[in-house]
Amino acid sequence: MALSNKVAIVTGSARGIGRAIALKLAEVGATVVVNDIGDAEPVEAVAGEIKAMGRQSLPILADVSSASDVAKLVEEAITAYGRIDILVNNAGIARDQLLLRMSEEDWDRVLAVNLKSVFLCTRAVLRHMVKQRWGRVISIASIVGIVGNPGQANYASAKAGIIGFTRTIAKEVASRGVTVNAIAPGFIDTEMTQRLKEEWKQELKKQIPLGYFGSPRDVAEAVAFLASEEARYITGQVLGVDGGMAISWL
C-alpha cells in the first residue's frame, strides 16, 4: 500500500482516530497535512511525529465547517506541496441528547462539523483531483448512521448523510479517476469510549460478535487500503470496521 509522492489532508487529526490515520498514511509514504481546530500544540505534535518518520507534514489549524477556513486549508496545502491526492474527512463532534431535549444549537453544530465539513472539504479538493485525474476521498461515517442510536439523532443524521453523499459523489467523479468511499466504525477505543461506565462497556461488547472494541489503528488500516492503488476498483462503498456489530443489530 505504498503512498510515496502522495499528499493527504486528514481533518480532525490531532487525536484519536484522526491521529492514527495521519500516522498510518505517513508510515506508508504519504506527505500529510494535519488539521484540527483550537489548540495548535496537539496538531503540531502529530506533525512532529510524522516528520520524525522522515516524512513531510504540515500542521494547519482550520475550522472545516467554515468555507473560508477550508479554502485557506486547501490553499496552504497546494502552496506547500503542489497537489492533493487524498482527503480523509474525519473531523467530528458529538452532542448527545434525546430529541425532545435536543437544542437547535446542538443539532446545527453537529450537522455543521460532521456533515457540512465533508461537503466543503470534498468540493474544495475535487477541483484539484479532477484536473490531475487521480484522487481518493475517504469519509469517516459510523455504524450509528446505518442502524441509528437513541440520543444521537443529530450525530446519526450527519453520519447517514455522509453515506448518501459518498455514493452520490462517487458517481459524479468516477470517470475522472477519483474514488469516493466511506468507513463506518463501530465502537473504537478512544477517549470517548473510555469515559463510559465499565458496566456499559461490557454490555456493548456483548453486542459485538468479535467481543471487543476496535482500536484507532483498525480504522487507519482501512483508510490506508482505500487510499492505495490496490483499491483502485472500489468506489461508492461503505466499509464497516465494527467487529461485526452491524450484522448483530440489523
Protein backbone atom coordinates (compact mmCIF):
# COMPACT_ATOMS: atom_id res chain seq x y z
CA MET A 1 0.00 0.00 0.00
CA ALA A 2 2.78 2.41 -0.89
CA LEU A 3 1.68 6.06 -0.99
CA SER A 4 5.00 7.65 -1.85
CA ASN A 5 4.65 11.01 -3.60
CA LYS A 6 1.01 11.29 -2.48
CA VAL A 7 -0.25 14.26 -0.44
CA ALA A 8 -3.04 13.70 2.07
CA ILE A 9 -5.21 16.02 4.16
CA VAL A 10 -6.67 14.45 7.29
CA THR A 11 -9.23 16.60 9.09
CA GLY A 12 -9.61 16.32 12.84
CA SER A 13 -6.25 14.58 13.11
CA ALA A 14 -4.84 15.95 16.37
CA ARG A 15 -6.02 12.97 18.39
CA GLY A 16 -7.90 9.67 18.37
CA ILE A 17 -8.86 8.06 15.09
CA GLY A 18 -7.68 11.05 13.04
CA ARG A 19 -4.22 10.94 14.58
CA ALA A 20 -3.96 7.20 13.88
CA ILE A 21 -4.97 7.78 10.26
CA ALA A 22 -2.43 10.57 9.78
CA LEU A 23 0.37 8.44 11.23
CA LYS A 24 -0.59 5.38 9.17
CA LEU A 25 -0.67 7.32 5.90
CA ALA A 26 2.75 8.75 6.71
CA GLU A 27 4.01 5.27 7.60
CA VAL A 28 3.18 4.05 4.09
CA GLY A 29 4.84 7.03 2.46
CA ALA A 30 2.39 9.92 2.20
CA THR A 31 3.02 13.56 2.95
CA VAL A 32 0.32 14.51 5.46
CA VAL A 33 -1.41 17.80 6.20
CA VAL A 34 -2.53 17.56 9.83
CA ASN A 35 -5.64 19.59 10.58
CA ASP A 36 -7.70 20.37 13.65
CA ILE A 37 -9.30 23.29 15.45
CA GLY A 38 -8.43 25.05 18.70
CA ASP A 39 -5.10 24.35 20.36
CA ALA A 40 -2.12 24.31 17.98
CA GLU A 41 0.04 22.15 20.24
CA PRO A 42 -1.53 18.72 19.55
CA VAL A 43 -1.68 19.45 15.79
CA GLU A 44 2.00 20.35 15.77
CA ALA A 45 2.78 17.29 17.90
CA VAL A 46 1.27 14.92 15.33
CA ALA A 47 3.10 16.71 12.53
CA GLY A 48 6.28 16.32 14.57
CA GLU A 49 5.72 12.58 14.90
CA ILE A 50 5.33 12.33 11.14
CA LYS A 51 8.50 14.33 10.50
CA ALA A 52 10.33 12.02 12.91
CA MET A 53 9.46 9.17 10.49
CA GLY A 54 11.29 11.04 7.76
CA ARG A 55 8.07 12.19 6.05
CA GLN A 56 6.86 15.69 5.29
CA SER A 57 3.99 17.16 7.27
CA LEU A 58 2.23 20.50 7.59
CA PRO A 59 0.09 21.40 10.64
CA ILE A 60 -2.85 23.69 9.83
CA LEU A 61 -5.47 24.97 12.24
CA ALA A 62 -8.82 25.39 10.48
CA ASP A 63 -12.50 25.03 11.27
CA VAL A 64 -13.66 22.72 8.50
CA SER A 65 -17.30 23.74 8.99
CA SER A 66 -16.28 27.21 7.70
CA ALA A 67 -15.98 27.71 3.94
CA SER A 68 -13.29 30.38 4.34
CA ASP A 69 -11.22 28.18 6.65
CA VAL A 70 -11.49 25.25 4.24
CA ALA A 71 -10.36 27.46 1.35
CA LYS A 72 -7.35 28.50 3.44
CA LEU A 73 -6.57 24.89 4.39
CA VAL A 74 -6.58 23.68 0.79
CA GLU A 75 -4.72 26.75 -0.50
CA GLU A 76 -1.93 26.29 2.06
CA ALA A 77 -1.63 22.59 1.19
CA ILE A 78 -1.40 23.36 -2.54
CA THR A 79 1.12 26.13 -1.95
CA ALA A 80 3.30 23.83 0.14
CA TYR A 81 3.11 20.65 -1.97
CA GLY A 82 1.55 21.50 -5.33
CA ARG A 83 -1.13 18.80 -5.22
CA ILE A 84 -3.71 16.97 -3.09
CA ASP A 85 -4.19 13.27 -3.71
CA ILE A 86 -6.05 12.04 -0.63
CA LEU A 87 -8.70 13.65 1.55
CA VAL A 88 -9.81 11.97 4.76
CA ASN A 89 -12.92 13.62 6.18
CA ASN A 90 -12.56 12.63 9.82
CA ALA A 91 -13.49 15.75 11.83
CA GLY A 92 -16.50 15.20 14.03
CA ILE A 93 -18.17 16.01 17.34
CA ALA A 94 -20.99 14.53 19.41
CA ARG A 95 -23.59 16.44 21.43
CA ASP A 96 -25.92 13.69 22.55
CA GLN A 97 -29.42 14.24 23.88
CA LEU A 98 -32.86 12.73 23.40
CA LEU A 99 -34.68 14.55 20.62
CA LEU A 100 -37.26 16.20 22.88
CA ARG A 101 -34.43 17.75 24.88
CA MET A 102 -32.06 18.50 21.99
CA SER A 103 -31.41 22.17 21.32
CA GLU A 104 -31.41 23.63 17.84
CA GLU A 105 -27.86 24.81 18.51
CA ASP A 106 -26.65 21.26 19.21
CA TRP A 107 -28.42 19.97 16.12
CA ASP A 108 -26.90 22.66 13.89
CA ARG A 109 -23.38 22.37 15.28
CA VAL A 110 -23.17 18.59 14.90
CA LEU A 111 -24.52 18.76 11.34
CA ALA A 112 -22.07 21.55 10.51
CA VAL A 113 -18.95 19.83 11.84
CA ASN A 114 -19.84 16.27 10.87
CA LEU A 115 -21.59 16.74 7.52
CA LYS A 116 -21.19 20.25 6.13
CA SER A 117 -17.42 19.90 6.55
CA VAL A 118 -17.48 16.84 4.29
CA PHE A 119 -19.25 18.86 1.59
CA LEU A 120 -16.90 21.84 1.94
CA CYS A 121 -13.65 19.88 2.02
CA THR A 122 -14.61 17.45 -0.73
CA ARG A 123 -15.76 20.22 -3.04
CA ALA A 124 -12.53 22.13 -2.45
CA VAL A 125 -10.16 19.23 -3.17
CA LEU A 126 -12.08 17.74 -6.08
CA ARG A 127 -11.15 20.67 -8.28
CA HIS A 128 -7.53 19.58 -7.97
CA MET A 129 -8.13 15.82 -8.10
CA VAL A 130 -10.25 16.06 -11.25
CA LYS A 131 -7.52 18.06 -13.01
CA GLN A 132 -4.84 15.52 -12.13
CA ARG A 133 -7.26 12.63 -12.88
CA TRP A 134 -6.43 10.81 -9.66
CA GLY A 135 -7.75 11.14 -6.18
CA ARG A 136 -9.10 9.42 -3.10
CA VAL A 137 -11.83 10.82 -0.86
CA ILE A 138 -12.48 8.79 2.28
CA SER A 139 -15.02 9.93 4.85
CA ILE A 140 -15.48 8.57 8.35
CA ALA A 141 -19.14 7.74 8.85
CA SER A 142 -20.36 5.48 11.69
CA ILE A 143 -22.36 2.35 12.40
CA VAL A 144 -24.82 4.80 14.01
CA GLY A 145 -25.50 6.26 10.56
CA ILE A 146 -26.64 2.80 9.43
CA VAL A 147 -28.61 1.48 12.41
CA GLY A 148 -29.41 4.62 14.47
CA ASN A 149 -28.91 5.12 18.21
CA PRO A 150 -31.18 6.71 20.83
CA GLY A 151 -29.92 10.11 21.96
CA GLN A 152 -27.94 10.68 18.77
CA ALA A 153 -30.47 11.98 16.24
CA ASN A 154 -28.08 14.76 15.19
CA TYR A 155 -24.99 12.52 15.02
CA ALA A 156 -26.79 9.66 13.26
CA SER A 157 -28.33 12.03 10.73
CA ALA A 158 -24.95 13.53 9.90
CA LYS A 159 -23.30 10.14 9.53
CA ALA A 160 -26.15 8.81 7.38
CA GLY A 161 -25.77 11.95 5.29
CA ILE A 162 -22.10 11.13 4.74
CA ILE A 163 -23.10 7.76 3.31
CA GLY A 164 -25.57 9.30 0.85
CA PHE A 165 -23.06 12.00 -0.08
CA THR A 166 -20.33 9.40 -0.66
CA ARG A 167 -22.41 7.32 -3.04
CA THR A 168 -23.56 10.37 -4.98
CA ILE A 169 -20.13 11.99 -5.42
CA ALA A 170 -18.61 8.63 -6.35
CA LYS A 171 -20.93 8.60 -9.36
CA GLU A 172 -20.09 12.20 -10.27
CA VAL A 173 -16.30 11.81 -10.40
CA ALA A 174 -15.63 8.15 -11.23
CA SER A 175 -14.87 8.96 -14.86
CA ARG A 176 -12.10 11.32 -13.70
CA GLY A 177 -10.10 8.68 -11.82
CA VAL A 178 -11.31 9.74 -8.37
CA THR A 179 -12.75 7.20 -5.95
CA VAL A 180 -15.03 8.19 -3.08
CA ASN A 181 -15.67 5.81 -0.18
CA ALA A 182 -16.71 5.85 3.46
CA ILE A 183 -15.76 3.87 6.54
CA ALA A 184 -18.32 3.13 9.24
CA PRO A 185 -16.52 2.38 12.51
CA GLY A 186 -18.29 0.69 15.39
CA PHE A 187 -17.14 1.18 18.97
CA ILE A 188 -13.47 2.18 18.91
CA ASP A 189 -11.25 2.51 21.97
CA THR A 190 -10.90 6.30 22.15
CA GLU A 191 -11.23 8.96 24.84
CA MET A 192 -14.99 8.97 24.28
CA THR A 193 -15.48 5.24 24.88
CA GLN A 194 -13.00 5.26 27.75
CA ARG A 195 -15.34 7.63 29.61
CA LEU A 196 -18.18 5.09 29.54
CA LYS A 197 -19.03 3.24 32.72
CA GLU A 198 -17.47 -0.22 32.89
CA GLU A 199 -20.85 -1.98 33.01
CA TRP A 200 -21.91 -0.15 29.83
CA LYS A 201 -18.72 -1.23 28.10
CA GLN A 202 -19.37 -4.84 28.98
CA GLU A 203 -22.95 -4.65 27.68
CA LEU A 204 -21.76 -3.10 24.42
CA LYS A 205 -19.11 -5.79 23.94
CA LYS A 206 -21.85 -8.41 24.16
CA GLN A 207 -23.35 -6.88 21.01
CA ILE A 208 -20.06 -7.17 19.08
CA PRO A 209 -19.53 -10.62 17.54
CA LEU A 210 -15.74 -10.29 17.89
CA GLY A 211 -16.26 -9.37 21.55
CA TYR A 212 -14.06 -6.29 21.92
CA PHE A 213 -13.75 -2.63 20.93
CA GLY A 214 -11.62 -1.81 17.91
CA SER A 215 -8.56 0.41 18.02
CA PRO A 216 -7.96 3.64 16.06
CA ARG A 217 -5.31 1.66 14.17
CA ASP A 218 -8.02 -0.69 12.83
CA VAL A 219 -9.74 2.26 11.18
CA ALA A 220 -6.44 3.69 9.97
CA GLU A 221 -5.51 0.44 8.22
CA ALA A 222 -8.81 0.51 6.33
CA VAL A 223 -8.21 4.12 5.28
CA ALA A 224 -4.71 3.29 4.03
CA PHE A 225 -6.12 0.46 1.92
CA LEU A 226 -8.85 2.61 0.36
CA ALA A 227 -6.26 5.32 -0.37
CA SER A 228 -3.97 2.88 -2.15
CA GLU A 229 -3.72 1.73 -5.74
CA GLU A 230 -4.82 -1.71 -4.56
CA ALA A 231 -8.30 -0.22 -4.00
CA ARG A 232 -8.48 1.41 -7.44
CA TYR A 233 -11.64 -0.52 -8.40
CA ILE A 234 -13.58 0.30 -5.21
CA THR A 235 -15.80 3.36 -5.14
CA GLY A 236 -19.13 4.40 -3.65
CA GLN A 237 -18.76 1.84 -0.85
CA VAL A 238 -19.20 1.91 2.92
CA LEU A 239 -16.71 -0.32 4.72
CA GLY A 240 -17.75 -1.38 8.21
CA VAL A 241 -14.95 -1.56 10.78
CA ASP A 242 -17.12 -2.66 13.67
CA GLY A 243 -16.22 -6.19 14.78
CA GLY A 244 -19.43 -7.41 13.16
CA MET A 245 -21.68 -5.15 15.23
CA ALA A 246 -23.84 -4.02 12.31
CA ILE A 247 -24.83 -7.58 11.42
CA SER A 248 -25.89 -8.20 15.01
CA TRP A 249 -28.07 -5.06 15.04
CA LEU A 250 -29.75 -5.34 11.63
